[in-house]
Protein backbone atom coordinates (compact mmCIF):
# COMPACT_ATOMS: atom_id res chain seq x y z
CA MET A 1 129.36 112.95 122.48
CA ARG A 2 127.20 113.34 119.43
CA ILE A 3 124.18 111.05 119.04
CA ALA A 4 121.93 110.57 115.97
CA ILE A 5 118.31 109.57 116.52
CA VAL A 6 116.39 108.28 113.54
CA GLY A 7 112.61 108.80 113.64
CA SER A 8 110.51 111.26 115.54
CA GLY A 9 107.78 109.03 116.90
CA ILE A 10 107.24 108.84 120.65
CA ALA A 11 110.37 106.77 121.14
CA GLY A 12 112.61 109.04 119.07
CA LEU A 13 111.27 112.26 120.61
CA THR A 14 111.52 110.84 124.16
CA ALA A 15 115.10 109.67 123.57
CA ALA A 16 116.02 113.07 122.12
CA TYR A 17 114.41 114.89 125.05
CA LEU A 18 116.17 112.77 127.69
CA LEU A 19 119.59 112.51 126.01
CA ASN A 20 119.70 116.20 125.11
CA ARG A 21 120.42 116.95 128.76
CA LYS A 22 123.98 115.61 128.45
CA TYR A 23 124.69 115.00 124.76
CA ASP A 24 124.66 116.74 121.36
CA ILE A 25 121.58 115.28 119.62
CA THR A 26 120.66 115.28 115.97
CA LEU A 27 117.15 114.03 115.15
CA PHE A 28 116.45 112.72 111.66
CA GLU A 29 112.89 112.44 110.32
CA ALA A 30 111.84 111.55 106.79
CA GLN A 31 108.43 113.16 107.02
CA ALA A 32 107.61 116.86 106.90
CA ARG A 33 106.37 116.85 110.55
CA LEU A 34 107.41 115.32 113.83
CA GLY A 35 105.36 112.76 115.72
CA GLY A 36 105.42 109.50 113.82
CA HIS A 37 101.91 107.90 113.76
CA THR A 38 100.54 110.41 116.19
CA ALA A 39 98.96 113.60 114.90
CA THR A 40 96.24 116.05 115.97
CA VAL A 41 93.48 116.66 113.41
CA ASP A 42 91.08 119.58 113.83
CA ILE A 43 87.46 118.76 112.99
CA GLU A 44 84.10 120.59 113.07
CA SER A 45 81.29 118.93 114.99
CA GLY A 46 78.04 120.59 116.01
CA GLY A 47 79.41 124.06 115.36
CA CYS A 48 82.45 123.39 117.57
CA ARG A 49 86.04 122.95 116.51
CA LEU A 50 87.56 119.85 118.14
CA ALA A 51 91.15 118.59 118.28
CA VAL A 52 91.18 114.80 117.76
CA ASP A 53 94.40 112.91 118.46
CA THR A 54 95.05 110.02 116.09
CA GLY A 55 97.44 107.19 116.76
CA PHE A 56 96.79 107.38 120.47
CA ILE A 57 94.77 104.35 121.62
CA VAL A 58 94.87 104.01 125.41
CA TYR A 59 96.28 105.89 128.38
CA ASN A 60 96.57 104.14 131.70
CA ASP A 61 99.22 103.78 134.38
CA TRP A 62 99.15 99.98 134.27
CA THR A 63 100.10 99.76 130.58
CA TYR A 64 102.19 102.92 130.15
CA PRO A 65 103.77 103.99 133.45
CA ASN A 66 106.87 105.41 131.79
CA PHE A 67 104.79 107.49 129.34
CA ILE A 68 102.68 108.86 132.14
CA ARG A 69 105.84 109.72 134.12
CA LEU A 70 107.18 111.59 131.06
CA LEU A 71 103.92 113.53 130.69
CA LYS A 72 104.05 114.53 134.36
CA GLU A 73 107.67 115.67 133.95
CA LEU A 74 106.61 117.80 130.97
CA GLY A 75 103.74 119.27 132.99
CA VAL A 76 100.99 117.76 130.81
CA GLN A 77 97.76 117.52 132.79
CA SER A 78 95.38 114.58 132.51
CA GLN A 79 91.89 113.75 133.71
CA PRO A 80 90.04 110.49 134.15
CA THR A 81 87.61 109.45 131.42
CA ALA A 82 85.38 106.52 130.63
CA MET A 83 86.76 104.32 127.90
CA GLY A 84 84.85 101.95 125.70
CA PHE A 85 85.61 99.77 122.71
CA SER A 86 83.29 98.18 120.20
CA VAL A 87 83.44 96.37 116.89
CA ARG A 88 80.59 96.10 114.40
CA CYS A 89 80.38 93.98 111.27
CA ASP A 90 77.24 94.13 109.15
CA ARG A 91 78.33 91.44 106.69
CA GLU A 92 76.31 88.25 106.55
């Protein structure tokens, strides 16, 4: 069976990865790169080159158990971190 997947965001890439085991997959993406809203941007800070992931907001097993299971299947390692969130508005 041939299956077309439109879009290469996390949902499209995951569907292609899982379905490719049994089916003939064609992935269609309008942009020049895969990944949808997620991208890694290299920046310089304090003389160090850092990779900053954009589009990725939170990572926890309560909210994203399927995503975490996929990362484990792919062999992607993780580590605990402290997470904070703040908003500032200087308008009067």
